[in-house]
Amino acid sequence: MQEIAAYLLLKLAGKDGSSDEITAVIEAAGGSADESALSTLLGDLEGKDVNELLAAGMDKLKDVKMGGGGGGAGGAAGGDAAEEEEEEEKVEEEEIDMGGSMSMFGDDEGGDDY
């Protein structure tokens, strides 16, 4: 897979996409090229135009069902369901009086440092 990606990058850059160029791109990205995959790829692509291959592939993909249409909305609930909605209970926090004043830094003075 990385071999075809490197080949396409080289073609975009206007290069030939030779075995050495593909290997150099893959190694520059920190990988290592699979020589058997590389020779198979170059053998399959020999004498073919990449743009024509991509166009033919896109033409084949247009007939593939990709699913994803998503489901329709669920059926509406019965009329009684709307009337029976539960109200959320609101929980209020209680403030606790701990007596005396407290300072953020723990001193009991509550001093006027400012």
Protein backbone atom coordinates (compact mmCIF):
# COMPACT_ATOMS: atom_id res chain seq x y z
CA MET A 1 0.00 0.00 0.00
CA GLN A 2 2.82 2.40 0.79
CA GLU A 3 4.36 1.60 -2.56
CA ILE A 4 1.30 2.81 -4.51
CA ALA A 5 1.03 5.89 -2.26
CA ALA A 6 4.67 6.77 -2.97
CA TYR A 7 4.14 6.12 -6.69
CA LEU A 8 1.14 8.47 -6.80
CA LEU A 9 3.03 11.16 -4.89
CA LEU A 10 5.86 10.93 -7.40
CA LYS A 11 3.42 11.15 -10.32
CA LEU A 12 1.85 14.25 -8.77
CA ALA A 13 5.33 15.75 -8.56
CA GLY A 14 5.91 15.03 -12.26
CA LYS A 15 8.43 12.22 -11.68
CA ASP A 16 8.65 8.87 -13.45
CA GLY A 17 7.90 6.71 -10.42
CA SER A 18 10.84 4.38 -10.82
CA SER A 19 11.72 1.71 -8.29
CA ASP A 20 14.57 3.81 -6.87
CA GLU A 21 12.36 6.91 -6.57
CA ILE A 22 9.59 4.97 -4.81
CA THR A 23 12.09 3.40 -2.41
CA ALA A 24 13.59 6.82 -1.67
CA VAL A 25 10.16 8.30 -0.86
CA ILE A 26 9.26 5.42 1.46
CA GLU A 27 12.63 5.56 3.24
CA ALA A 28 12.36 9.34 3.62
CA ALA A 29 9.11 8.72 5.48
CA GLY A 30 10.85 6.26 7.81
CA GLY A 31 9.62 3.05 6.21
CA SER A 32 11.11 0.30 4.14
CA ALA A 33 9.87 -0.75 0.73
CA ASP A 34 8.68 -4.30 0.10
CA GLU A 35 10.65 -5.29 -3.01
CA SER A 36 8.18 -7.97 -4.14
CA ALA A 37 5.21 -5.58 -3.81
CA LEU A 38 7.21 -2.90 -5.61
CA SER A 39 8.11 -5.16 -8.54
CA THR A 40 4.50 -6.39 -8.81
CA LEU A 41 3.20 -2.81 -8.77
CA LEU A 42 5.61 -1.61 -11.42
CA GLY A 43 4.89 -4.67 -13.56
CA ASP A 44 1.15 -4.01 -13.36
CA LEU A 45 1.55 -0.31 -14.15
CA GLU A 46 4.06 -0.71 -16.99
CA GLY A 47 2.85 1.05 -20.13
CA LYS A 48 -0.34 2.35 -18.48
CA ASP A 49 -1.41 5.89 -17.75
CA VAL A 50 -2.18 6.47 -14.07
CA ASN A 51 -4.89 9.03 -14.86
CA GLU A 52 -6.73 6.54 -17.08
CA LEU A 53 -6.47 3.84 -14.38
CA LEU A 54 -7.88 6.19 -11.75
CA ALA A 55 -10.73 7.24 -14.05
CA ALA A 56 -11.58 3.60 -14.79
CA GLY A 57 -11.56 2.83 -11.06
CA MET A 58 -13.85 5.75 -10.28
CA ASP A 59 -16.20 4.59 -13.03
CA LYS A 60 -16.38 1.15 -11.40
CA LEU A 61 -16.97 2.64 -7.94
CA LYS A 62 -20.03 4.58 -9.02
CA ASP A 63 -21.99 1.31 -9.21
CA VAL A 64 -20.97 0.11 -5.74
CA LYS A 65 -23.61 0.60 -3.10
CA MET A 66 -21.97 2.33 -0.18
CA GLY A 67 -24.87 1.85 2.25
CA GLY A 68 -25.06 4.64 4.74
CA GLY A 69 -28.47 6.00 3.78
CA GLY A 70 -29.30 6.03 7.45
CA GLY A 71 -32.59 5.03 8.90
CA GLY A 72 -35.69 7.12 8.89
CA ALA A 73 -36.93 8.74 12.06
CA GLY A 74 -38.59 6.42 14.53
CA GLY A 75 -42.36 6.23 14.73
CA ALA A 76 -44.13 8.87 16.79
CA ALA A 77 -45.00 7.88 20.33
CA GLY A 78 -48.62 7.52 21.36
CA GLY A 79 -50.53 10.63 22.43
CA ASP A 80 -50.47 9.64 26.11
CA ALA A 81 -46.66 9.49 26.18
CA ALA A 82 -46.31 13.23 25.74
CA GLU A 83 -48.64 13.91 28.64
CA GLU A 84 -46.79 11.56 30.95
CA GLU A 85 -43.36 13.12 30.66
CA GLU A 86 -41.54 13.07 33.94
CA GLU A 87 -40.24 16.30 35.31
CA GLU A 88 -36.59 16.30 36.23
CA GLU A 89 -35.86 16.73 39.87
CA LYS A 90 -33.68 19.69 40.60
CA VAL A 91 -31.04 19.03 43.19
CA GLU A 92 -29.89 22.14 44.95
CA GLU A 93 -26.65 22.28 46.81
CA GLU A 94 -26.85 23.30 50.42
CA GLU A 95 -24.41 25.78 51.82
CA ILE A 96 -22.91 24.66 55.07
CA ASP A 97 -22.11 27.27 57.67
CA MET A 98 -18.86 26.18 59.25
CA GLY A 99 -18.84 29.03 61.69
CA GLY A 100 -16.33 31.85 61.64
CA SER A 101 -14.66 33.21 58.60
CA MET A 102 -12.39 31.17 56.47
CA SER A 103 -9.63 32.33 54.22
CA MET A 104 -8.55 30.78 51.02
CA PHE A 105 -5.09 30.19 52.43
CA GLY A 106 -6.17 28.76 55.75
CA ASP A 107 -5.45 31.62 58.11
CA ASP A 108 -8.31 32.47 60.44
CA GLU A 109 -7.64 36.16 60.37
CA GLY A 110 -9.31 36.86 57.05
CA GLY A 111 -6.85 39.75 57.05
CA ASP A 112 -6.69 42.71 54.84
CA ASP A 113 -3.50 41.85 53.00
CA TYR A 114 -4.34 44.04 50.07
